[in-house]
C-alpha atoms as a PDB file:
ATOM      1  CA  MET A   1     -17.617  -9.949 -10.699  1.00  0.00           C
ATOM      2  CA  ALA A   2     -17.115  -9.508  -7.042  1.00  0.00           C
ATOM      3  CA  GLN A   3     -14.194 -11.369  -5.409  1.00  0.00           C
ATOM      4  CA  SER A   4     -15.268 -13.592  -2.525  1.00  0.00           C
ATOM      5  CA  GLU A   5     -13.284 -14.316   0.596  1.00  0.00           C
ATOM      6  CA  GLY A   6     -10.691 -16.979  -0.110  1.00  0.00           C
ATOM      7  CA  THR A   7     -10.181 -15.988  -3.705  1.00  0.00           C
ATOM      8  CA  THR A   8      -6.499 -15.455  -4.736  1.00  0.00           C
ATOM      9  CA  VAL A   9      -5.914 -12.253  -6.757  1.00  0.00           C
ATOM     10  CA  ARG A  10      -3.049 -10.553  -8.390  1.00  0.00           C
ATOM     11  CA  VAL A  11      -2.814  -6.692  -8.448  1.00  0.00           C
ATOM     12  CA  HIS A  12      -0.579  -3.896  -9.392  1.00  0.00           C
ATOM     13  CA  TYR A  13      -0.694  -0.939  -7.004  1.00  0.00           C
ATOM     14  CA  ARG A  14       0.841   2.370  -6.135  1.00  0.00           C
ATOM     15  CA  GLY A  15       0.688   3.730  -2.633  1.00  0.00           C
ATOM     16  CA  THR A  16       0.958   7.484  -1.816  1.00  0.00           C
ATOM     17  CA  LEU A  17       0.710   9.680   1.280  1.00  0.00           C
ATOM     18  CA  ASP A  18      -1.361  12.831   1.560  1.00  0.00           C
ATOM     19  CA  ASP A  19       1.643  14.888   0.590  1.00  0.00           C
ATOM     20  CA  GLY A  20       1.831  12.890  -2.800  1.00  0.00           C
ATOM     21  CA  SER A  21       4.999  11.031  -1.870  1.00  0.00           C
ATOM     22  CA  GLU A  22       5.008   7.408  -2.914  1.00  0.00           C
ATOM     23  CA  PHE A  23       5.744   4.839  -0.203  1.00  0.00           C
ATOM     24  CA  ASP A  24       5.370   1.686  -2.173  1.00  0.00           C
ATOM     25  CA  SER A  25       4.595   0.353  -5.673  1.00  0.00           C
ATOM     26  CA  SER A  26       4.538  -2.832  -7.651  1.00  0.00           C
ATOM     27  CA  ALA A  27       5.932  -1.051 -10.768  1.00  0.00           C
ATOM     28  CA  GLY A  28       8.725  -3.075 -12.295  1.00  0.00           C
ATOM     29  CA  ARG A  29       7.890  -6.107 -10.132  1.00  0.00           C
ATOM     30  CA  ASP A  30       5.504  -9.035 -10.463  1.00  0.00           C
ATOM     31  CA  PRO A  31       1.925  -8.209  -9.341  1.00  0.00           C
ATOM     32  CA  LEU A  32       1.132  -8.565  -5.631  1.00  0.00           C
ATOM     33  CA  GLU A  33      -0.569 -11.898  -5.023  1.00  0.00           C
ATOM     34  CA  PHE A  34      -2.792 -12.355  -1.998  1.00  0.00           C
ATOM     35  CA  THR A  35      -5.943 -14.218  -0.824  1.00  0.00           C
ATOM     36  CA  VAL A  36      -8.927 -12.008  -0.252  1.00  0.00           C
ATOM     37  CA  GLY A  37      -9.986 -11.973   3.439  1.00  0.00           C
ATOM     38  CA  SER A  38      -6.841 -13.733   4.687  1.00  0.00           C
ATOM     39  CA  GLY A  39      -5.242 -10.797   6.505  1.00  0.00           C
ATOM     40  CA  GLN A  40      -2.244 -10.785   4.220  1.00  0.00           C
ATOM     41  CA  VAL A  41      -2.897  -7.084   3.340  1.00  0.00           C
ATOM     42  CA  ILE A  42      -4.272  -4.188   5.298  1.00  0.00           C
ATOM     43  CA  PRO A  43      -8.145  -4.273   5.630  1.00  0.00           C
ATOM     44  CA  GLY A  44      -8.862  -1.247   3.421  1.00  0.00           C
ATOM     45  CA  PHE A  45      -6.717  -2.643   0.560  1.00  0.00           C
ATOM     46  CA  ASP A  46      -8.502  -5.960   0.885  1.00  0.00           C
ATOM     47  CA  ALA A  47     -11.946  -4.237   0.751  1.00  0.00           C
ATOM     48  CA  ALA A  48     -10.969  -2.126  -2.256  1.00  0.00           C
ATOM     49  CA  VAL A  49     -10.188  -5.271  -4.402  1.00  0.00           C
ATOM     50  CA  VAL A  50     -13.389  -7.074  -3.597  1.00  0.00           C
ATOM     51  CA  SER A  51     -15.598  -5.238  -6.107  1.00  0.00           C
ATOM     52  CA  LEU A  52     -13.087  -5.089  -9.015  1.00  0.00           C
ATOM     53  CA  ASP A  53     -13.229  -7.018 -12.245  1.00  0.00           C
ATOM     54  CA  VAL A  54     -10.016  -8.199 -13.913  1.00  0.00           C
ATOM     55  CA  GLY A  55      -8.516  -5.187 -15.812  1.00  0.00           C
ATOM     56  CA  GLU A  56     -10.533  -2.682 -13.691  1.00  0.00           C
ATOM     57  CA  LYS A  57      -8.633   0.034 -11.739  1.00  0.00           C
ATOM     58  CA  THR A  58      -9.678   1.992  -8.709  1.00  0.00           C
ATOM     59  CA  GLU A  59      -8.200   4.644  -6.367  1.00  0.00           C
ATOM     60  CA  VAL A  60      -8.986   4.427  -2.774  1.00  0.00           C
ATOM     61  CA  ARG A  61      -7.958   6.537   0.234  1.00  0.00           C
ATOM     62  CA  ILE A  62      -7.637   4.349   3.397  1.00  0.00           C
ATOM     63  CA  GLU A  63      -7.830   5.941   6.832  1.00  0.00           C
ATOM     64  CA  PRO A  64      -5.502   4.840   9.504  1.00  0.00           C
ATOM     65  CA  ALA A  65      -8.002   2.579  11.196  1.00  0.00           C
ATOM     66  CA  ASP A  66      -8.143   0.403   8.053  1.00  0.00           C
ATOM     67  CA  ALA A  67      -4.427   0.671   7.395  1.00  0.00           C
ATOM     68  CA  TYR A  68      -1.760   0.509  10.094  1.00  0.00           C
ATOM     69  CA  GLY A  69      -3.755   2.045  12.933  1.00  0.00           C
ATOM     70  CA  ASP A  70      -3.204   5.219  14.898  1.00  0.00           C
ATOM     71  CA  ARG A  71       0.220   6.075  16.431  1.00  0.00           C
ATOM     72  CA  VAL A  72       0.454   4.952  20.028  1.00  0.00           C
ATOM     73  CA  ASP A  73       2.649   7.101  22.213  1.00  0.00           C
ATOM     74  CA  GLU A  74       3.215   4.182  24.644  1.00  0.00           C
ATOM     75  CA  ALA A  75       4.905   2.255  21.720  1.00  0.00           C
ATOM     76  CA  VAL A  76       7.956   4.630  22.012  1.00  0.00           C
ATOM     77  CA  GLN A  77      10.328   3.205  24.494  1.00  0.00           C
ATOM     78  CA  ARG A  78      13.495   4.463  25.990  1.00  0.00           C
ATOM     79  CA  ILE A  79      16.149   1.669  26.398  1.00  0.00           C
ATOM     80  CA  PRO A  80      19.482   2.036  28.237  1.00  0.00           C
ATOM     81  CA  ARG A  81      22.235   2.742  25.712  1.00  0.00           C
ATOM     82  CA  ASP A  82      24.334   0.014  27.221  1.00  0.00           C
ATOM     83  CA  ALA A  83      21.790  -2.558  26.054  1.00  0.00           C
ATOM     84  CA  PHE A  84      23.162  -2.132  22.515  1.00  0.00           C
ATOM     85  CA  PRO A  85      26.457  -3.613  21.466  1.00  0.00           C
ATOM     86  CA  GLU A  86      26.608  -1.030  18.681  1.00  0.00           C
ATOM     87  CA  ILE A  87      24.511   2.174  18.659  1.00  0.00           C
ATOM     88  CA  PRO A  88      22.338   2.224  15.545  1.00  0.00           C
ATOM     89  CA  PRO A  89      21.832   5.608  13.715  1.00  0.00           C
ATOM     90  CA  VAL A  90      18.684   7.616  14.100  1.00  0.00           C
ATOM     91  CA  GLY A  91      15.994   6.604  11.497  1.00  0.00           C
ATOM     92  CA  VAL A  92      17.200   3.001  11.015  1.00  0.00           C
ATOM     93  CA  MET A  93      14.835   0.176  11.494  1.00  0.00           C
ATOM     94  CA  ILE A  94      16.176  -2.568  13.747  1.00  0.00           C
ATOM     95  CA  GLN A  95      14.962  -6.045  14.806  1.00  0.00           C
ATOM     96  CA  LEU A  96      14.834  -7.124  18.394  1.00  0.00           C
ATOM     97  CA  GLU A  97      14.079 -10.461  19.907  1.00  0.00           C
ATOM     98  CA  THR A  98      11.944 -10.690  22.972  1.00  0.00           C
ATOM     99  CA  PRO A  99      12.781 -13.114  25.883  1.00  0.00           C
ATOM    100  CA  ASP A 100      10.125 -15.522  24.535  1.00  0.00           C
ATOM    101  CA  GLY A 101      11.650 -15.459  21.060  1.00  0.00           C
ATOM    102  CA  LYS A 102       9.379 -13.162  19.184  1.00  0.00           C
ATOM    103  CA  THR A 103      10.911 -10.635  16.718  1.00  0.00           C
ATOM    104  CA  LEU A 104       9.910  -7.001  16.984  1.00  0.00           C
ATOM    105  CA  ALA A 105      10.735  -4.162  14.557  1.00  0.00           C
ATOM    106  CA  ALA A 106      11.491  -0.670  15.761  1.00  0.00           C
ATOM    107  CA  THR A 107      12.706   2.555  14.351  1.00  0.00           C
ATOM    108  CA  VAL A 108      15.516   4.374  16.127  1.00  0.00           C
ATOM    109  CA  ALA A 109      13.910   7.688  17.052  1.00  0.00           C
ATOM    110  CA  ALA A 110      16.676   9.284  19.046  1.00  0.00           C
ATOM    111  CA  VAL A 111      20.022   8.574  20.715  1.00  0.00           C
ATOM    112  CA  GLU A 112      20.930  10.429  23.804  1.00  0.00           C
ATOM    113  CA  ASP A 113      23.851  10.250  26.272  1.00  0.00           C
ATOM    114  CA  ASP A 114      22.457   7.206  28.142  1.00  0.00           C
ATOM    115  CA  VAL A 115      19.341   6.058  26.251  1.00  0.00           C
ATOM    116  CA  VAL A 116      18.277   5.022  22.811  1.00  0.00           C
ATOM    117  CA  GLU A 117      14.636   5.855  22.008  1.00  0.00           C
ATOM    118  CA  LEU A 118      12.864   3.193  19.992  1.00  0.00           C
ATOM    119  CA  ASP A 119       9.538   3.597  18.168  1.00  0.00           C
ATOM    120  CA  PHE A 120       7.662   0.316  17.811  1.00  0.00           C
ATOM    121  CA  ASN A 121       4.839   1.900  15.814  1.00  0.00           C
ATOM    122  CA  HIS A 122       4.565   0.804  12.208  1.00  0.00           C
ATOM    123  CA  PRO A 123       6.283   3.543  10.075  1.00  0.00           C
ATOM    124  CA  LEU A 124       2.955   4.233   8.390  1.00  0.00           C
ATOM    125  CA  ALA A 125       0.831   4.242  11.551  1.00  0.00           C
ATOM    126  CA  GLY A 126      -1.347   7.363  11.919  1.00  0.00           C
ATOM    127  CA  GLN A 127      -1.321   8.125   8.231  1.00  0.00           C
ATOM    128  CA  ALA A 128      -3.964   7.872   5.551  1.00  0.00           C
ATOM    129  CA  LEU A 129      -2.829   5.936   2.547  1.00  0.00           C
ATOM    130  CA  THR A 130      -4.041   6.399  -1.013  1.00  0.00           C
ATOM    131  CA  PHE A 131      -3.706   3.392  -3.468  1.00  0.00           C
ATOM    132  CA  GLU A 132      -4.132   3.137  -7.131  1.00  0.00           C
ATOM    133  CA  ILE A 133      -5.033  -0.562  -7.678  1.00  0.00           C
ATOM    134  CA  GLU A 134      -5.492  -2.604 -10.818  1.00  0.00           C
ATOM    135  CA  LEU A 135      -6.880  -6.096 -10.634  1.00  0.00           C
ATOM    136  CA  VAL A 136      -4.633  -8.123 -12.999  1.00  0.00           C
ATOM    137  CA  ASP A 137      -5.711 -11.675 -12.459  1.00  0.00           C
ATOM    138  CA  VAL A 138      -7.992 -13.917 -10.392  1.00  0.00           C
ATOM    139  CA  ILE A 139      -6.606 -17.405  -9.654  1.00  0.00           C
ATOM    140  CA  GLU A 140      -9.215 -20.043  -9.547  1.00  0.00           C
ATOM    141  CA  ALA A 141      -8.854 -22.571  -6.726  1.00  0.00           C
ATOM    142  CA  THR A 142      -8.270 -26.111  -7.707  1.00  0.00           C
ATOM    143  CA  GLU A 143     -10.410 -28.960  -6.257  1.00  0.00           C
ATOM    144  CA  ASP A 144      -7.576 -29.833  -3.802  1.00  0.00           C
ATOM    145  CA  GLU A 145      -7.576 -26.290  -2.373  1.00  0.00           C
END
């Protein structure tokens, strides 16, 4: 039975990169619950679940355009080192607040004498993702929903 937009589903999954390394999994946790078509998960993951029946499994490779997008060189910014009260180590993800109160995540890409290079790309941007997905449950909406 195809899952229509607005249906809430629960899935178990395992996500790997092209080199076979695992970047995420629901193993040992409750299944991931999301509403189909709501934008809660990346588009390619959403699309892979639509045609599944409860108990059915699939494996899908999702290209960057349907995952976290391509890497954008302009998303790497060099910030004066004195803007940081404490210099974070390379590879650490930090949270910054914009003047209008929005929170942005960035990975510390490099620390030089007078600048800290921050990468605002999603860590999985530019990468194809492979997911093993099992549809565990479909939650029927109540009349109030």
